[in-house]
Amino acid sequence: MARLRAKCASLDDNTTLVEMDPGSFRTFDLGYYANVAKRRGVFHSDAQLLADPSTRAYVLRHATGAHRDEFFADFAASMVKMGAVGVLTGGQGEVRKKCNVVN
């Protein structure tokens, strides 16, 4: 927390970059789950994964790093589901120039 506060001194700062997966942000691995299991997630939503029994079990299972194949299969299935989400196009939607501000 101290490191994040030092790096993000102002709520108005929208240019500072912070690793969402400290320690293994350059690789696609199970390090995220190890951080969440140690209560070292960056976002409130990371902490909430431990609040629900089913997501807690999932986090703790993958925090061990012993179930890589299961994780990658789950990730692939989730990407297929995300691809089926109805995306707004044309005048119905927009690509934001800054994610926190409507164009």
Protein backbone atom coordinates (compact mmCIF):
# COMPACT_ATOMS: atom_id res chain seq x y z
CA MET A 1 0.00 0.00 0.00
CA ALA A 2 2.81 2.42 0.86
CA ARG A 3 4.44 1.82 -2.53
CA LEU A 4 1.17 2.50 -4.34
CA ARG A 5 0.54 5.67 -2.33
CA ALA A 6 4.01 6.95 -3.11
CA LYS A 7 3.60 6.22 -6.81
CA CYS A 8 0.05 7.58 -7.05
CA ALA A 9 0.28 10.71 -4.95
CA SER A 10 -2.82 12.39 -6.43
CA LEU A 11 -6.24 11.12 -7.44
CA ASP A 12 -6.06 13.62 -10.30
CA ASP A 13 -3.01 11.86 -11.80
CA ASN A 14 -4.18 9.80 -14.76
CA THR A 15 -0.77 9.34 -16.37
CA THR A 16 1.11 7.20 -13.83
CA LEU A 17 1.23 3.51 -14.71
CA VAL A 18 1.06 0.84 -12.03
CA GLU A 19 1.59 -2.88 -12.50
CA MET A 20 -1.70 -4.75 -12.11
CA ASP A 21 0.25 -7.96 -11.48
CA PRO A 22 3.34 -6.90 -9.49
CA GLY A 23 6.19 -9.36 -9.76
CA SER A 24 5.11 -11.08 -12.96
CA PHE A 25 3.52 -8.34 -15.02
CA ARG A 26 5.68 -9.21 -18.05
CA THR A 27 4.47 -12.81 -18.23
CA PHE A 28 1.09 -14.44 -18.57
CA ASP A 29 1.07 -16.78 -15.61
CA LEU A 30 -0.66 -17.61 -12.33
CA GLY A 31 1.26 -14.97 -10.34
CA TYR A 32 -1.88 -12.84 -10.13
CA TYR A 33 -3.62 -15.52 -8.06
CA ALA A 34 -0.63 -15.87 -5.73
CA ASN A 35 -0.77 -12.11 -5.08
CA VAL A 36 -4.52 -12.14 -4.45
CA ALA A 37 -4.20 -15.13 -2.10
CA LYS A 38 -1.61 -13.13 -0.09
CA ARG A 39 -4.04 -10.18 -0.06
CA ARG A 40 -1.71 -8.18 -2.30
CA GLY A 41 -4.17 -7.43 -5.07
CA VAL A 42 -4.15 -3.91 -6.48
CA PHE A 43 -7.90 -3.41 -6.89
CA HIS A 44 -10.87 -3.71 -4.56
CA SER A 45 -12.27 -6.32 -6.95
CA ASP A 46 -9.14 -8.45 -6.36
CA ALA A 47 -9.88 -8.56 -2.63
CA GLN A 48 -13.53 -9.40 -3.31
CA LEU A 49 -12.48 -12.63 -5.02
CA LEU A 50 -11.62 -13.95 -1.54
CA ALA A 51 -15.00 -12.93 -0.10
CA ASP A 52 -17.06 -15.47 -2.07
CA PRO A 53 -16.53 -19.19 -1.31
CA SER A 54 -16.46 -20.31 -4.96
CA THR A 55 -14.12 -17.59 -6.23
CA ARG A 56 -11.97 -17.95 -3.09
CA ALA A 57 -11.54 -21.66 -3.82
CA TYR A 58 -10.62 -20.86 -7.44
CA VAL A 59 -8.04 -18.26 -6.37
CA LEU A 60 -6.47 -20.53 -3.76
CA ARG A 61 -6.37 -23.47 -6.19
CA HIS A 62 -4.55 -21.44 -8.85
CA ALA A 63 -2.31 -19.63 -6.36
CA THR A 64 -0.38 -22.89 -5.96
CA GLY A 65 0.63 -22.80 -9.62
CA ALA A 66 -0.09 -26.52 -9.89
CA HIS A 67 -3.08 -26.22 -12.22
CA ARG A 68 -1.69 -24.29 -15.18
CA ASP A 69 -3.48 -26.34 -17.84
CA GLU A 70 -6.83 -25.83 -16.12
CA PHE A 71 -6.23 -22.08 -15.87
CA PHE A 72 -5.31 -21.71 -19.54
CA ALA A 73 -8.35 -23.77 -20.60
CA ASP A 74 -10.58 -21.57 -18.41
CA PHE A 75 -8.97 -18.44 -19.86
CA ALA A 76 -9.52 -19.62 -23.43
CA ALA A 77 -13.19 -20.39 -22.69
CA SER A 78 -13.65 -16.97 -21.10
CA MET A 79 -12.18 -15.24 -24.17
CA VAL A 80 -14.69 -17.06 -26.37
CA LYS A 81 -17.51 -15.88 -24.09
CA MET A 82 -16.18 -12.30 -24.14
CA GLY A 83 -16.11 -12.45 -27.93
CA ALA A 84 -19.85 -13.17 -27.90
CA VAL A 85 -20.70 -10.03 -25.91
CA GLY A 86 -22.70 -7.63 -28.02
CA VAL A 87 -20.40 -4.74 -28.88
CA LEU A 88 -21.99 -1.38 -29.60
CA THR A 89 -21.00 -0.08 -33.03
CA GLY A 90 -21.61 2.97 -35.17
CA GLY A 91 -23.70 5.62 -33.42
CA GLN A 92 -24.60 3.22 -30.58
CA GLY A 93 -21.16 3.15 -29.01
CA GLU A 94 -17.78 4.83 -28.99
CA VAL A 95 -14.09 4.10 -28.51
CA ARG A 96 -12.96 6.38 -25.70
CA LYS A 97 -9.80 8.39 -26.13
CA LYS A 98 -9.41 8.32 -22.31
CA CYS A 99 -11.09 5.39 -20.58
CA ASN A 100 -12.30 7.49 -17.65
CA VAL A 101 -13.92 10.25 -19.77
CA VAL A 102 -16.76 10.09 -22.28
CA ASN A 103 -15.61 11.64 -25.59
